[in-house]
């Protein structure tokens, strides 16, 4: 039995929120020079995003098969959170690289 739209929306919000939290933690680790841990946090965040995308993909598949899917505010919010987390992931990865480069420049003196 397929999950209800509300359940999917809450799942997406939870997964994307957890992913974003991992990306924030990754930046915190990078700030203090713990790049190995920062990269682990990014990987964990990416895994959470994949889980969310899989559920979102199931919803899109249901729509493609002709099932009527009510696009309510909660589902729109969930998709917005998904896109925000994706954007934050990209920025996070770039900022980690910049932190690595800054630390290397500081070492060189």
PDB file of N, CA and C in Angstrom:
ATOM      1  N   UNK A   1       0.839  -1.186   0.000  1.00  0.00           N
ATOM      2  CA  UNK A   1       0.000   0.000   0.000  1.00  0.00           C
ATOM      3  C   UNK A   1       0.882   1.247   0.000  1.00  0.00           C
ATOM      4  N   UNK A   2       0.570   2.172  -0.881  1.00  0.00           N
ATOM      5  CA  UNK A   2       1.355   3.399  -1.008  1.00  0.00           C
ATOM      6  C   UNK A   2       1.127   4.313   0.190  1.00  0.00           C
ATOM      7  N   UNK A   3       2.196   5.024   0.537  1.00  0.00           N
ATOM      8  CA  UNK A   3       2.069   5.987   1.629  1.00  0.00           C
ATOM      9  C   UNK A   3       1.161   7.132   1.199  1.00  0.00           C
ATOM     10  N   UNK A   4       0.510   7.727   2.165  1.00  0.00           N
ATOM     11  CA  UNK A   4      -0.314   8.897   1.886  1.00  0.00           C
ATOM     12  C   UNK A   4       0.595  10.089   1.627  1.00  0.00           C
ATOM     13  N   UNK A   5       0.058  11.062   0.887  1.00  0.00           N
ATOM     14  CA  UNK A   5       0.839  12.253   0.555  1.00  0.00           C
ATOM     15  C   UNK A   5       1.396  12.930   1.798  1.00  0.00           C
ATOM     16  N   UNK A   6       0.593  13.016   2.848  1.00  0.00           N
ATOM     17  CA  UNK A   6       1.029  13.680   4.068  1.00  0.00           C
ATOM     18  C   UNK A   6       2.220  12.937   4.687  1.00  0.00           C
ATOM     19  N   UNK A   7       2.173  11.616   4.668  1.00  0.00           N
ATOM     20  CA  UNK A   7       3.287  10.823   5.201  1.00  0.00           C
ATOM     21  C   UNK A   7       4.554  11.046   4.381  1.00  0.00           C
ATOM     22  N   UNK A   8       4.397  11.088   3.071  1.00  0.00           N
ATOM     23  CA  UNK A   8       5.539  11.334   2.189  1.00  0.00           C
ATOM     24  C   UNK A   8       6.108  12.718   2.459  1.00  0.00           C
ATOM     25  N   UNK A   9       5.236  13.710   2.589  1.00  0.00           N
ATOM     26  CA  UNK A   9       5.694  15.076   2.842  1.00  0.00           C
ATOM     27  C   UNK A   9       6.487  15.152   4.139  1.00  0.00           C
ATOM     28  N   UNK A  10       5.967  14.554   5.201  1.00  0.00           N
ATOM     29  CA  UNK A  10       6.678  14.581   6.479  1.00  0.00           C
ATOM     30  C   UNK A  10       8.008  13.825   6.395  1.00  0.00           C
ATOM     31  N   UNK A  11       8.028  12.727   5.657  1.00  0.00           N
ATOM     32  CA  UNK A  11       9.264  11.975   5.479  1.00  0.00           C
ATOM     33  C   UNK A  11      10.302  12.824   4.746  1.00  0.00           C
ATOM     34  N   UNK A  12       9.874  13.485   3.677  1.00  0.00           N
ATOM     35  CA  UNK A  12      10.786  14.345   2.922  1.00  0.00           C
ATOM     36  C   UNK A  12      11.318  15.477   3.789  1.00  0.00           C
ATOM     37  N   UNK A  13      10.442  16.107   4.549  1.00  0.00           N
ATOM     38  CA  UNK A  13      10.857  17.207   5.423  1.00  0.00           C
ATOM     39  C   UNK A  13      11.877  16.705   6.438  1.00  0.00           C
ATOM     40  N   UNK A  14      11.625  15.547   7.022  1.00  0.00           N
ATOM     41  CA  UNK A  14      12.545  14.990   8.021  1.00  0.00           C
ATOM     42  C   UNK A  14      13.899  14.634   7.407  1.00  0.00           C
ATOM     43  N   UNK A  15      13.893  13.946   6.277  1.00  0.00           N
ATOM     44  CA  UNK A  15      15.147  13.535   5.637  1.00  0.00           C
ATOM     45  C   UNK A  15      15.961  14.746   5.194  1.00  0.00           C
ATOM     46  N   UNK A  16      15.281  15.711   4.583  1.00  0.00           N
ATOM     47  CA  UNK A  16      15.986  16.891   4.096  1.00  0.00           C
ATOM     48  C   UNK A  16      16.485  17.764   5.236  1.00  0.00           C
ATOM     49  N   UNK A  17      15.711  17.853   6.300  1.00  0.00           N
ATOM     50  CA  UNK A  17      16.160  18.606   7.469  1.00  0.00           C
ATOM     51  C   UNK A  17      17.381  17.967   8.106  1.00  0.00           C
ATOM     52  N   UNK A  18      17.363  16.647   8.205  1.00  0.00           N
ATOM     53  CA  UNK A  18      18.513  15.929   8.766  1.00  0.00           C
ATOM     54  C   UNK A  18      19.738  16.082   7.864  1.00  0.00           C
ATOM     55  N   UNK A  19      19.521  16.042   6.561  1.00  0.00           N
ATOM     56  CA  UNK A  19      20.628  16.221   5.618  1.00  0.00           C
ATOM     57  C   UNK A  19      21.235  17.607   5.776  1.00  0.00           C
ATOM     58  N   UNK A  20      20.391  18.608   5.835  1.00  0.00           N
ATOM     59  CA  UNK A  20      20.886  19.982   5.988  1.00  0.00           C
ATOM     60  C   UNK A  20      21.666  20.119   7.296  1.00  0.00           C
ATOM     61  N   UNK A  21      21.191  19.495   8.346  1.00  0.00           N
ATOM     62  CA  UNK A  21      21.910  19.525   9.628  1.00  0.00           C
ATOM     63  C   UNK A  21      23.298  18.897   9.496  1.00  0.00           C
ATOM     64  N   UNK A  22      23.400  17.833   8.721  1.00  0.00           N
ATOM     65  CA  UNK A  22      24.708  17.201   8.507  1.00  0.00           C
ATOM     66  C   UNK A  22      25.637  18.134   7.727  1.00  0.00           C
ATOM     67  N   UNK A  23      25.083  18.874   6.775  1.00  0.00           N
ATOM     68  CA  UNK A  23      25.907  19.815   6.015  1.00  0.00           C
ATOM     69  C   UNK A  23      26.388  20.962   6.902  1.00  0.00           C
ATOM     70  N   UNK A  24      25.537  21.419   7.807  1.00  0.00           N
ATOM     71  CA  UNK A  24      25.938  22.455   8.766  1.00  0.00           C
ATOM     72  C   UNK A  24      27.057  21.915   9.651  1.00  0.00           C
ATOM     73  N   UNK A  25      26.898  20.693  10.125  1.00  0.00           N
ATOM     74  CA  UNK A  25      27.940  20.065  10.953  1.00  0.00           C
ATOM     75  C   UNK A  25      29.238  19.929  10.163  1.00  0.00           C
ATOM     76  N   UNK A  26      29.132  19.606   8.883  1.00  0.00           N
ATOM     77  CA  UNK A  26      30.323  19.493   8.036  1.00  0.00           C
ATOM     78  C   UNK A  26      31.070  20.819   7.984  1.00  0.00           C
ATOM     79  N   UNK A  27      30.342  21.907   7.850  1.00  0.00           N
ATOM     80  CA  UNK A  27      30.988  23.223   7.827  1.00  0.00           C
ATOM     81  C   UNK A  27      31.645  23.543   9.161  1.00  0.00           C
ATOM     82  N   UNK A  28      30.995  23.181  10.247  1.00  0.00           N
ATOM     83  CA  UNK A  28      31.576  23.401  11.577  1.00  0.00           C
ATOM     84  C   UNK A  28      32.880  22.617  11.721  1.00  0.00           C
ATOM     85  N   UNK A  29      32.893  21.383  11.236  1.00  0.00           N
ATOM     86  CA  UNK A  29      34.110  20.564  11.301  1.00  0.00           C
ATOM     87  C   UNK A  29      35.207  21.177  10.430  1.00  0.00           C
ATOM     88  N   UNK A  30      34.832  21.658   9.242  1.00  0.00           N
ATOM     89  CA  UNK A  30      35.820  22.256   8.337  1.00  0.00           C
ATOM     90  C   UNK A  30      36.425  23.524   8.938  1.00  0.00           C
ATOM     91  N   UNK A  31      35.626  24.306   9.635  1.00  0.00           N
ATOM     92  CA  UNK A  31      36.126  25.548  10.248  1.00  0.00           C
ATOM     93  C   UNK A  31      37.272  25.287  11.209  1.00  0.00           C
ATOM     94  N   UNK A  32      37.219  24.157  11.892  1.00  0.00           N
ATOM     95  CA  UNK A  32      38.272  23.843  12.869  1.00  0.00           C
ATOM     96  C   UNK A  32      39.348  22.926  12.279  1.00  0.00           C
ATOM     97  N   UNK A  33      39.279  22.699  10.971  1.00  0.00           N
ATOM     98  CA  UNK A  33      40.318  21.934  10.294  1.00  0.00           C
ATOM     99  C   UNK A  33      40.136  20.431  10.296  1.00  0.00           C
ATOM    100  N   UNK A  34      38.989  19.946  10.726  1.00  0.00           N
ATOM    101  CA  UNK A  34      38.731  18.501  10.757  1.00  0.00           C
ATOM    102  C   UNK A  34      38.056  18.093   9.444  1.00  0.00           C
ATOM    103  N   UNK A  35      38.852  18.058   8.391  1.00  0.00           N
ATOM    104  CA  UNK A  35      38.301  17.851   7.054  1.00  0.00           C
ATOM    105  C   UNK A  35      37.830  16.420   6.813  1.00  0.00           C
ATOM    106  N   UNK A  36      38.463  15.475   7.445  1.00  0.00           N
ATOM    107  CA  UNK A  36      38.014  14.085   7.310  1.00  0.00           C
ATOM    108  C   UNK A  36      36.601  13.936   7.864  1.00  0.00           C
ATOM    109  N   UNK A  37      36.376  14.477   9.052  1.00  0.00           N
ATOM    110  CA  UNK A  37      35.041  14.409   9.658  1.00  0.00           C
ATOM    111  C   UNK A  37      34.040  15.234   8.850  1.00  0.00           C
ATOM    112  N   UNK A  38      34.485  16.368   8.311  1.00  0.00           N
ATOM    113  CA  UNK A  38      33.606  17.202   7.483  1.00  0.00           C
ATOM    114  C   UNK A  38      33.111  16.406   6.277  1.00  0.00           C
ATOM    115  N   UNK A  39      34.014  15.691   5.645  1.00  0.00           N
ATOM    116  CA  UNK A  39      33.635  14.909   4.466  1.00  0.00           C
ATOM    117  C   UNK A  39      32.710  13.751   4.838  1.00  0.00           C
ATOM    118  N   UNK A  40      32.916  13.170   6.012  1.00  0.00           N
ATOM    119  CA  UNK A  40      32.004  12.114   6.475  1.00  0.00           C
ATOM    120  C   UNK A  40      30.598  12.680   6.684  1.00  0.00           C
ATOM    121  N   UNK A  41      30.531  13.878   7.246  1.00  0.00           N
ATOM    122  CA  UNK A  41      29.224  14.516   7.454  1.00  0.00           C
ATOM    123  C   UNK A  41      28.530  14.786   6.120  1.00  0.00           C
ATOM    124  N   UNK A  42      29.299  15.234   5.129  1.00  0.00           N
ATOM    125  CA  UNK A  42      28.727  15.472   3.801  1.00  0.00           C
ATOM    126  C   UNK A  42      28.190  14.164   3.230  1.00  0.00           C
ATOM    127  N   UNK A  43      28.953  13.093   3.350  1.00  0.00           N
ATOM    128  CA  UNK A  43      28.499  11.791   2.839  1.00  0.00           C
ATOM    129  C   UNK A  43      27.213  11.345   3.526  1.00  0.00           C
ATOM    130  N   UNK A  44      27.146  11.556   4.829  1.00  0.00           N
ATOM    131  CA  UNK A  44      25.941  11.188   5.569  1.00  0.00           C
ATOM    132  C   UNK A  44      24.749  12.032   5.106  1.00  0.00           C
ATOM    133  N   UNK A  45      24.984  13.315   4.905  1.00  0.00           N
ATOM    134  CA  UNK A  45      23.927  14.194   4.409  1.00  0.00           C
ATOM    135  C   UNK A  45      23.460  13.789   3.021  1.00  0.00           C
ATOM    136  N   UNK A  46      24.416  13.433   2.171  1.00  0.00           N
ATOM    137  CA  UNK A  46      24.056  12.999   0.819  1.00  0.00           C
ATOM    138  C   UNK A  46      23.225  11.720   0.855  1.00  0.00           C
ATOM    139  N   UNK A  47      23.556  10.809   1.750  1.00  0.00           N
ATOM    140  CA  UNK A  47      22.783   9.564   1.872  1.00  0.00           C
ATOM    141  C   UNK A  47      21.346   9.865   2.293  1.00  0.00           C
ATOM    142  N   UNK A  48      21.182  10.819   3.192  1.00  0.00           N
ATOM    143  CA  UNK A  48      19.828  11.210   3.608  1.00  0.00           C
ATOM    144  C   UNK A  48      19.057  11.835   2.448  1.00  0.00           C
ATOM    145  N   UNK A  49      19.749  12.642   1.644  1.00  0.00           N
ATOM    146  CA  UNK A  49      19.089  13.226   0.472  1.00  0.00           C
ATOM    147  C   UNK A  49      18.646  12.143  -0.505  1.00  0.00           C
ATOM    148  N   UNK A  50      19.471  11.135  -0.697  1.00  0.00           N
ATOM    149  CA  UNK A  50      19.113  10.030  -1.601  1.00  0.00           C
ATOM    150  C   UNK A  50      17.846   9.337  -1.109  1.00  0.00           C
ATOM    151  N   UNK A  51      17.769   9.097   0.198  1.00  0.00           N
ATOM    152  CA  UNK A  51      16.571   8.464   0.755  1.00  0.00           C
ATOM    153  C   UNK A  51      15.332   9.312   0.472  1.00  0.00           C
ATOM    154  N   UNK A  52      15.463  10.607   0.636  1.00  0.00           N
ATOM    155  CA  UNK A  52      14.345  11.499   0.344  1.00  0.00           C
ATOM    156  C   UNK A  52      13.982  11.499  -1.130  1.00  0.00           C
ATOM    157  N   UNK A  53      15.009  11.508  -1.987  1.00  0.00           N
ATOM    158  CA  UNK A  53      14.755  11.498  -3.431  1.00  0.00           C
ATOM    159  C   UNK A  53      14.059  10.213  -3.866  1.00  0.00           C
ATOM    160  N   UNK A  54      14.396   9.109  -3.226  1.00  0.00           N
ATOM    161  CA  UNK A  54      13.741   7.841  -3.576  1.00  0.00           C
ATOM    162  C   UNK A  54      12.244   7.909  -3.293  1.00  0.00           C
ATOM    163  N   UNK A  55      11.875   8.446  -2.146  1.00  0.00           N
ATOM    164  CA  UNK A  55      10.450   8.581  -1.818  1.00  0.00           C
ATOM    165  C   UNK A  55       9.770   9.574  -2.747  1.00  0.00           C
ATOM    166  N   UNK A  56      10.462  10.649  -3.059  1.00  0.00           N
ATOM    167  CA  UNK A  56       9.910  11.643  -3.980  1.00  0.00           C
ATOM    168  C   UNK A  56       9.712  11.020  -5.359  1.00  0.00           C
ATOM    169  N   UNK A  57      10.677  10.204  -5.776  1.00  0.00           N
ATOM    170  CA  UNK A  57      10.572   9.522  -7.061  1.00  0.00           C
ATOM    171  C   UNK A  57       9.376   8.587  -7.127  1.00  0.00           C
ATOM    172  N   UNK A  58       9.087   7.920  -6.008  1.00  0.00           N
ATOM    173  CA  UNK A  58       7.909   7.047  -5.963  1.00  0.00           C
ATOM    174  C   UNK A  58       6.633   7.855  -6.174  1.00  0.00           C
ATOM    175  N   UNK A  59       6.596   9.029  -5.599  1.00  0.00           N
ATOM    176  CA  UNK A  59       5.429   9.896  -5.754  1.00  0.00           C
ATOM    177  C   UNK A  59       5.273  10.328  -7.213  1.00  0.00           C
ATOM    178  N   UNK A  60       6.371  10.686  -7.836  1.00  0.00           N
ATOM    179  CA  UNK A  60       6.336  11.090  -9.245  1.00  0.00           C
ATOM    180  C   UNK A  60       5.911   9.918 -10.121  1.00  0.00           C
ATOM    181  N   UNK A  61       6.384   8.717  -9.797  1.00  0.00           N
ATOM    182  CA  UNK A  61       5.985   7.520 -10.543  1.00  0.00           C
ATOM    183  C   UNK A  61       4.481   7.305 -10.450  1.00  0.00           C
ATOM    184  N   UNK A  62       3.936   7.487  -9.253  1.00  0.00           N
ATOM    185  CA  UNK A  62       2.482   7.346  -9.086  1.00  0.00           C
ATOM    186  C   UNK A  62       1.742   8.353  -9.964  1.00  0.00           C
ATOM    187  N   UNK A  63       2.252   9.574 -10.016  1.00  0.00           N
ATOM    188  CA  UNK A  63       1.624  10.589 -10.869  1.00  0.00           C
ATOM    189  C   UNK A  63       1.710  10.185 -12.334  1.00  0.00           C
ATOM    190  N   UNK A  64       2.883   9.693 -12.746  1.00  0.00           N
ATOM    191  CA  UNK A  64       3.096   9.304 -14.138  1.00  0.00           C
ATOM    192  C   UNK A  64       2.178   8.159 -14.551  1.00  0.00           C
ATOM    193  N   UNK A  65       1.801   7.333 -13.595  1.00  0.00           N
ATOM    194  CA  UNK A  65       0.895   6.215 -13.878  1.00  0.00           C
ATOM    195  C   UNK A  65      -0.566   6.641 -13.887  1.00  0.00           C
ATOM    196  N   UNK A  66      -0.801   7.923 -13.687  1.00  0.00           N
ATOM    197  CA  UNK A  66      -2.161   8.435 -13.778  1.00  0.00           C
ATOM    198  C   UNK A  66      -2.873   8.638 -12.463  1.00  0.00           C
ATOM    199  N   UNK A  67      -2.202   8.321 -11.356  1.00  0.00           N
ATOM    200  CA  UNK A  67      -2.835   8.535 -10.058  1.00  0.00           C
ATOM    201  C   UNK A  67      -2.899  10.037  -9.779  1.00  0.00           C
ATOM    202  N   UNK A  68      -4.034  10.465  -9.327  1.00  0.00           N
ATOM    203  CA  UNK A  68      -4.181  11.884  -9.006  1.00  0.00           C
ATOM    204  C   UNK A  68      -3.511  12.160  -7.662  1.00  0.00           C
ATOM    205  N   UNK A  69      -2.559  13.080  -7.675  1.00  0.00           N
ATOM    206  CA  UNK A  69      -1.820  13.449  -6.469  1.00  0.00           C
ATOM    207  C   UNK A  69      -2.188  14.887  -6.112  1.00  0.00           C
ATOM    208  N   UNK A  70      -2.720  15.068  -4.934  1.00  0.00           N
ATOM    209  CA  UNK A  70      -3.089  16.397  -4.464  1.00  0.00           C
ATOM    210  C   UNK A  70      -1.827  17.150  -4.062  1.00  0.00           C
ATOM    211  N   UNK A  71      -1.573  18.252  -4.734  1.00  0.00           N
ATOM    212  CA  UNK A  71      -0.408  19.080  -4.412  1.00  0.00           C
ATOM    213  C   UNK A  71      -0.832  20.130  -3.392  1.00  0.00           C
ATOM    214  N   UNK A  72      -0.747  19.771  -2.123  1.00  0.00           N
ATOM    215  CA  UNK A  72      -1.129  20.710  -1.075  1.00  0.00           C
ATOM    216  C   UNK A  72       0.102  21.475  -0.582  1.00  0.00           C
ATOM    217  N   UNK A  73      -0.127  22.413   0.315  1.00  0.00           N
ATOM    218  CA  UNK A  73       0.943  23.263   0.818  1.00  0.00           C
ATOM    219  C   UNK A  73       2.041  22.448   1.502  1.00  0.00           C
ATOM    220  N   UNK A  74       1.679  21.403   2.203  1.00  0.00           N
ATOM    221  CA  UNK A  74       2.663  20.583   2.904  1.00  0.00           C
ATOM    222  C   UNK A  74       3.612  19.901   1.919  1.00  0.00           C
ATOM    223  N   UNK A  75       3.079  19.384   0.832  1.00  0.00           N
ATOM    224  CA  UNK A  75       3.919  18.727  -0.166  1.00  0.00           C
ATOM    225  C   UNK A  75       4.802  19.750  -0.888  1.00  0.00           C
ATOM    226  N   UNK A  76       4.254  20.917  -1.170  1.00  0.00           N
ATOM    227  CA  UNK A  76       5.050  21.982  -1.788  1.00  0.00           C
ATOM    228  C   UNK A  76       6.195  22.377  -0.855  1.00  0.00           C
ATOM    229  N   UNK A  77       5.893  22.496   0.432  1.00  0.00           N
ATOM    230  CA  UNK A  77       6.922  22.825   1.423  1.00  0.00           C
ATOM    231  C   UNK A  77       8.002  21.743   1.451  1.00  0.00           C
ATOM    232  N   UNK A  78       7.599  20.493   1.400  1.00  0.00           N
ATOM    233  CA  UNK A  78       8.558  19.381   1.415  1.00  0.00           C
ATOM    234  C   UNK A  78       9.488  19.452   0.210  1.00  0.00           C
ATOM    235  N   UNK A  79       8.936  19.738  -0.960  1.00  0.00           N
ATOM    236  CA  UNK A  79       9.762  19.850  -2.158  1.00  0.00           C
ATOM    237  C   UNK A  79      10.687  21.058  -2.072  1.00  0.00           C
ATOM    238  N   UNK A  80      10.196  22.144  -1.496  1.00  0.00           N
ATOM    239  CA  UNK A  80      11.031  23.325  -1.300  1.00  0.00           C
ATOM    240  C   UNK A  80      12.204  22.997  -0.379  1.00  0.00           C
ATOM    241  N   UNK A  81      11.938  22.259   0.694  1.00  0.00           N
ATOM    242  CA  UNK A  81      12.997  21.859   1.621  1.00  0.00           C
ATOM    243  C   UNK A  81      14.021  20.959   0.925  1.00  0.00           C
ATOM    244  N   UNK A  82      13.539  20.109   0.025  1.00  0.00           N
ATOM    245  CA  UNK A  82      14.433  19.228  -0.716  1.00  0.00           C
ATOM    246  C   UNK A  82      15.379  20.050  -1.596  1.00  0.00           C
ATOM    247  N   UNK A  83      14.833  21.022  -2.301  1.00  0.00           N
ATOM    248  CA  UNK A  83      15.660  21.854  -3.168  1.00  0.00           C
ATOM    249  C   UNK A  83      16.625  22.715  -2.357  1.00  0.00           C
ATOM    250  N   UNK A  84      16.169  23.220  -1.214  1.00  0.00           N
ATOM    251  CA  UNK A  84      17.045  24.022  -0.354  1.00  0.00           C
ATOM    252  C   UNK A  84      18.207  23.177   0.164  1.00  0.00           C
ATOM    253  N   UNK A  85      17.926  21.944   0.549  1.00  0.00           N
ATOM    254  CA  UNK A  85      18.987  21.058   1.044  1.00  0.00           C
ATOM    255  C   UNK A  85      19.988  20.744  -0.065  1.00  0.00           C
ATOM    256  N   UNK A  86      19.496  20.540  -1.275  1.00  0.00           N
ATOM    257  CA  UNK A  86      20.386  20.282  -2.413  1.00  0.00           C
ATOM    258  C   UNK A  86      21.299  21.476  -2.662  1.00  0.00           C
ATOM    259  N   UNK A  87      20.726  22.666  -2.633  1.00  0.00           N
ATOM    260  CA  UNK A  87      21.511  23.877  -2.841  1.00  0.00           C
ATOM    261  C   UNK A  87      22.547  24.034  -1.736  1.00  0.00           C
ATOM    262  N   UNK A  88      22.123  23.794  -0.498  1.00  0.00           N
ATOM    263  CA  UNK A  88      23.033  23.916   0.633  1.00  0.00           C
ATOM    264  C   UNK A  88      24.177  22.913   0.517  1.00  0.00           C
ATOM    265  N   UNK A  89      23.882  21.728   0.004  1.00  0.00           N
ATOM    266  CA  UNK A  89      24.923  20.706  -0.185  1.00  0.00           C
ATOM    267  C   UNK A  89      26.019  21.220  -1.114  1.00  0.00           C
ATOM    268  N   UNK A  90      25.613  21.803  -2.223  1.00  0.00           N
ATOM    269  CA  UNK A  90      26.578  22.314  -3.199  1.00  0.00           C
ATOM    270  C   UNK A  90      27.451  23.395  -2.565  1.00  0.00           C
ATOM    271  N   UNK A  91      26.812  24.335  -1.873  1.00  0.00           N
ATOM    272  CA  UNK A  91      27.563  25.407  -1.225  1.00  0.00           C
ATOM    273  C   UNK A  91      28.477  24.866  -0.131  1.00  0.00           C
ATOM    274  N   UNK A  92      28.002  23.918   0.619  1.00  0.00           N
ATOM    275  CA  UNK A  92      28.785  23.304   1.692  1.00  0.00           C
ATOM    276  C   UNK A  92      30.066  22.693   1.136  1.00  0.00           C
ATOM    277  N   UNK A  93      29.945  21.940   0.069  1.00  0.00           N
ATOM    278  CA  UNK A  93      31.115  21.289  -0.516  1.00  0.00           C
ATOM    279  C   UNK A  93      32.134  22.322  -1.000  1.00  0.00           C
ATOM    280  N   UNK A  94      31.643  23.393  -1.593  1.00  0.00           N
ATOM    281  CA  UNK A  94      32.542  24.452  -2.058  1.00  0.00           C
ATOM    282  C   UNK A  94      33.220  25.155  -0.887  1.00  0.00           C
ATOM    283  N   UNK A  95      32.474  25.411   0.177  1.00  0.00           N
ATOM    284  CA  UNK A  95      33.045  26.084   1.342  1.00  0.00           C
ATOM    285  C   UNK A  95      34.082  25.215   2.046  1.00  0.00           C
ATOM    286  N   UNK A  96      33.871  23.922   2.047  1.00  0.00           N
ATOM    287  CA  UNK A  96      34.871  23.028   2.642  1.00  0.00           C
ATOM    288  C   UNK A  96      36.182  23.118   1.867  1.00  0.00           C
ATOM    289  N   UNK A  97      36.090  23.134   0.552  1.00  0.00           N
ATOM    290  CA  UNK A  97      37.293  23.280  -0.280  1.00  0.00           C
ATOM    291  C   UNK A  97      37.993  24.601   0.046  1.00  0.00           C
ATOM    292  N   UNK A  98      37.226  25.668   0.178  1.00  0.00           N
ATOM    293  CA  UNK A  98      37.824  26.965   0.510  1.00  0.00           C
ATOM    294  C   UNK A  98      38.498  26.940   1.881  1.00  0.00           C
ATOM    295  N   UNK A  99      37.869  26.296   2.851  1.00  0.00           N
ATOM    296  CA  UNK A  99      38.490  26.169   4.177  1.00  0.00           C
ATOM    297  C   UNK A  99      39.804  25.385   4.086  1.00  0.00           C
ATOM    298  N   UNK A 100      39.819  24.338   3.277  1.00  0.00           N
ATOM    299  CA  UNK A 100      41.052  23.561   3.100  1.00  0.00           C
ATOM    300  C   UNK A 100      42.149  24.428   2.488  1.00  0.00           C
ATOM    301  N   UNK A 101      41.771  25.196   1.466  1.00  0.00           N
ATOM    302  CA  UNK A 101      42.751  26.054   0.800  1.00  0.00           C
ATOM    303  C   UNK A 101      43.257  27.145   1.742  1.00  0.00           C
ATOM    304  N   UNK A 102      42.355  27.733   2.529  1.00  0.00           N
ATOM    305  CA  UNK A 102      42.772  28.771   3.475  1.00  0.00           C
ATOM    306  C   UNK A 102      43.731  28.196   4.512  1.00  0.00           C
ATOM    307  N   UNK A 103      43.433  27.013   5.000  1.00  0.00           N
ATOM    308  CA  UNK A 103      44.307  26.402   5.999  1.00  0.00           C
ATOM    309  C   UNK A 103      45.684  26.111   5.410  1.00  0.00           C
ATOM    310  N   UNK A 104      45.709  25.664   4.167  1.00  0.00           N
ATOM    311  CA  UNK A 104      46.985  25.401   3.500  1.00  0.00           C
ATOM    312  C   UNK A 104      47.779  26.696   3.329  1.00  0.00           C
ATOM    313  N   UNK A 105      47.114  27.772   2.947  1.00  0.00           N
ATOM    314  CA  UNK A 105      47.793  29.061   2.803  1.00  0.00           C
ATOM    315  C   UNK A 105      48.333  29.560   4.141  1.00  0.00           C
ATOM    316  N   UNK A 106      47.591  29.350   5.205  1.00  0.00           N
ATOM    317  CA  UNK A 106      48.060  29.750   6.541  1.00  0.00           C
ATOM    318  C   UNK A 106      49.305  28.956   6.938  1.00  0.00           C
ATOM    319  N   UNK A 107      49.325  27.686   6.580  1.00  0.00           N
ATOM    320  CA  UNK A 107      50.483  26.838   6.904  1.00  0.00           C
ATOM    321  C   UNK A 107      51.742  27.321   6.185  1.00  0.00           C
ATOM    322  N   UNK A 108      51.545  27.767   4.959  1.00  0.00           N
ATOM    323  CA  UNK A 108      52.688  28.230   4.163  1.00  0.00           C
ATOM    324  C   UNK A 108      53.246  29.540   4.716  1.00  0.00           C
ATOM    325  N   UNK A 109      52.368  30.282   5.406  1.00  0.00           N
ATOM    326  CA  UNK A 109      52.795  31.478   6.109  1.00  0.00           C
ATOM    327  C   UNK A 109      52.882  32.681   5.298  1.00  0.00           C
TER     328      UNK A 109
END
